[in-house]
C-alpha atoms as a PDB file:
ATOM      1  CA  MET A   1     -58.143   8.836  71.977  1.00  0.00           C
ATOM      2  CA  GLU A   2     -58.726   5.946  69.616  1.00  0.00           C
ATOM      3  CA  ALA A   3     -55.937   4.547  67.440  1.00  0.00           C
ATOM      4  CA  ARG A   4     -56.848   3.697  63.889  1.00  0.00           C
ATOM      5  CA  HIS A   5     -54.696   1.545  61.657  1.00  0.00           C
ATOM      6  CA  ALA A   6     -54.958   1.564  57.922  1.00  0.00           C
ATOM      7  CA  GLU A   7     -55.532  -1.836  56.434  1.00  0.00           C
ATOM      8  CA  SER A   8     -52.396  -2.853  54.553  1.00  0.00           C
ATOM      9  CA  ARG A   9     -52.496  -4.873  51.397  1.00  0.00           C
ATOM     10  CA  VAL A  10     -49.839  -6.703  49.472  1.00  0.00           C
ATOM     11  CA  VAL A  11     -50.045  -6.926  45.716  1.00  0.00           C
ATOM     12  CA  VAL A  12     -48.011  -9.654  44.061  1.00  0.00           C
ATOM     13  CA  VAL A  13     -47.310  -9.286  40.372  1.00  0.00           C
ATOM     14  CA  HIS A  14     -46.178 -12.372  38.486  1.00  0.00           C
ATOM     15  CA  ASP A  15     -44.168 -11.489  35.390  1.00  0.00           C
ATOM     16  CA  GLY A  16     -43.811 -14.982  33.958  1.00  0.00           C
ATOM     17  CA  PHE A  17     -41.448 -17.805  34.735  1.00  0.00           C
ATOM     18  CA  GLY A  18     -38.081 -17.304  36.341  1.00  0.00           C
ATOM     19  CA  MET A  19     -35.020 -19.146  35.114  1.00  0.00           C
ATOM     20  CA  GLY A  20     -35.356 -21.786  37.837  1.00  0.00           C
ATOM     21  CA  GLY A  21     -38.952 -22.545  36.902  1.00  0.00           C
ATOM     22  CA  LEU A  22     -38.061 -22.742  33.249  1.00  0.00           C
ATOM     23  CA  LEU A  23     -35.164 -25.117  33.932  1.00  0.00           C
ATOM     24  CA  LEU A  24     -37.355 -27.288  36.154  1.00  0.00           C
ATOM     25  CA  ALA A  25     -40.063 -27.466  33.475  1.00  0.00           C
ATOM     26  CA  PHE A  26     -37.466 -28.402  30.846  1.00  0.00           C
ATOM     27  CA  LEU A  27     -35.976 -31.154  33.016  1.00  0.00           C
ATOM     28  CA  GLY A  28     -39.436 -32.479  33.902  1.00  0.00           C
ATOM     29  CA  GLY A  29     -40.347 -32.645  30.226  1.00  0.00           C
ATOM     30  CA  ALA A  30     -37.105 -34.426  29.418  1.00  0.00           C
ATOM     31  CA  VAL A  31     -37.730 -37.031  32.122  1.00  0.00           C
ATOM     32  CA  ALA A  32     -41.335 -37.565  30.998  1.00  0.00           C
ATOM     33  CA  GLY A  33     -40.237 -37.926  27.374  1.00  0.00           C
ATOM     34  CA  ALA A  34     -37.524 -40.415  28.278  1.00  0.00           C
ATOM     35  CA  ALA A  35     -39.974 -42.462  30.342  1.00  0.00           C
ATOM     36  CA  ALA A  36     -42.511 -42.519  27.520  1.00  0.00           C
ATOM     37  CA  ALA A  37     -39.842 -43.549  25.022  1.00  0.00           C
ATOM     38  CA  LEU A  38     -38.633 -46.394  27.238  1.00  0.00           C
ATOM     39  CA  LEU A  39     -42.132 -47.681  27.922  1.00  0.00           C
ATOM     40  CA  THR A  40     -43.210 -47.677  24.285  1.00  0.00           C
ATOM     41  CA  ALA A  41     -39.970 -48.857  22.683  1.00  0.00           C
ATOM     42  CA  PRO A  42     -40.166 -52.237  20.893  1.00  0.00           C
ATOM     43  CA  GLN A  43     -37.357 -53.881  22.897  1.00  0.00           C
ATOM     44  CA  SER A  44     -37.028 -56.846  25.178  1.00  0.00           C
ATOM     45  CA  GLY A  45     -37.006 -56.339  28.944  1.00  0.00           C
ATOM     46  CA  ALA A  46     -33.266 -56.981  29.160  1.00  0.00           C
ATOM     47  CA  GLU A  47     -32.529 -54.392  26.472  1.00  0.00           C
ATOM     48  CA  THR A  48     -34.787 -51.866  28.199  1.00  0.00           C
ATOM     49  CA  ARG A  49     -33.103 -52.434  31.581  1.00  0.00           C
ATOM     50  CA  ALA A  50     -29.682 -52.005  29.977  1.00  0.00           C
ATOM     51  CA  GLY A  51     -30.863 -48.741  28.417  1.00  0.00           C
ATOM     52  CA  ILE A  52     -32.160 -47.502  31.772  1.00  0.00           C
ATOM     53  CA  GLY A  53     -28.795 -48.343  33.328  1.00  0.00           C
ATOM     54  CA  ARG A  54     -26.999 -46.264  30.692  1.00  0.00           C
ATOM     55  CA  LEU A  55     -29.410 -43.376  31.211  1.00  0.00           C
ATOM     56  CA  ALA A  56     -28.881 -43.518  34.972  1.00  0.00           C
ATOM     57  CA  LEU A  57     -25.164 -42.857  34.501  1.00  0.00           C
ATOM     58  CA  ARG A  58     -25.650 -39.770  32.321  1.00  0.00           C
ATOM     59  CA  PRO A  59     -27.037 -37.437  35.018  1.00  0.00           C
ATOM     60  CA  LYS A  60     -24.056 -38.153  37.263  1.00  0.00           C
ATOM     61  CA  ALA A  61     -21.718 -36.896  34.553  1.00  0.00           C
ATOM     62  CA  LEU A  62     -23.914 -33.876  33.821  1.00  0.00           C
ATOM     63  CA  VAL A  63     -24.349 -32.914  37.475  1.00  0.00           C
ATOM     64  CA  GLY A  64     -20.591 -32.980  37.907  1.00  0.00           C
ATOM     65  CA  ARG A  65     -20.299 -30.250  35.245  1.00  0.00           C
ATOM     66  CA  ILE A  66     -22.894 -27.911  36.798  1.00  0.00           C
ATOM     67  CA  PRO A  67     -20.559 -26.000  39.180  1.00  0.00           C
ATOM     68  CA  GLU A  68     -18.163 -25.190  36.332  1.00  0.00           C
ATOM     69  CA  ALA A  69     -21.020 -24.093  34.065  1.00  0.00           C
ATOM     70  CA  VAL A  70     -22.464 -21.851  36.804  1.00  0.00           C
ATOM     71  CA  ALA A  71     -19.051 -20.299  37.430  1.00  0.00           C
ATOM     72  CA  ASP A  72     -18.591 -19.668  33.690  1.00  0.00           C
ATOM     73  CA  ALA A  73     -22.033 -18.064  33.447  1.00  0.00           C
ATOM     74  CA  ALA A  74     -21.321 -15.858  36.489  1.00  0.00           C
ATOM     75  CA  ASP A  75     -18.006 -14.748  34.963  1.00  0.00           C
ATOM     76  CA  ALA A  76     -19.685 -13.929  31.644  1.00  0.00           C
ATOM     77  CA  PHE A  77     -22.401 -11.957  33.449  1.00  0.00           C
ATOM     78  CA  THR A  78     -19.829 -10.018  35.491  1.00  0.00           C
ATOM     79  CA  ASP A  79     -17.817  -9.235  32.340  1.00  0.00           C
ATOM     80  CA  ALA A  80     -20.953  -8.039  30.542  1.00  0.00           C
ATOM     81  CA  MET A  81     -21.945  -5.783  33.446  1.00  0.00           C
ATOM     82  CA  ASN A  82     -18.441  -4.296  33.679  1.00  0.00           C
ATOM     83  CA  GLU A  83     -18.201  -3.376  29.992  1.00  0.00           C
ATOM     84  CA  PRO A  84     -18.362   0.384  29.488  1.00  0.00           C
ATOM     85  CA  LYS A  85     -21.497   1.589  27.786  1.00  0.00           C
ATOM     86  CA  PRO A  86     -21.233   4.320  25.124  1.00  0.00           C
ATOM     87  CA  HIS A  87     -22.860   7.563  26.304  1.00  0.00           C
ATOM     88  CA  ASN A  88     -23.074   9.230  22.921  1.00  0.00           C
ATOM     89  CA  SER A  89     -24.921   6.603  20.972  1.00  0.00           C
ATOM     90  CA  PRO A  90     -27.054   7.877  18.074  1.00  0.00           C
ATOM     91  CA  LYS A  91     -30.801   7.943  18.545  1.00  0.00           C
ATOM     92  CA  ARG A  92     -32.900   5.556  16.475  1.00  0.00           C
ATOM     93  CA  ASP A  93     -36.056   6.740  14.779  1.00  0.00           C
END
């Protein structure tokens, strides 16, 4: 008796960008834009270095706020999912 196995295939459907990909693209664009602005700005080297120093401090402050923002978003999502939905809503034509 001979065993036969069906060939299995996997189909992957890509439905666009996820939230992580979108956030990464946004941050990458922001970094590229900031770099272009610094390199083309009509400033002296000392002024440019001071500006880079100020910009380097901003992400530290923003990163520190991420856990709170994620927790707030999770709470809002949980609240939205727990809201009762009306069962007798009128049909739209």
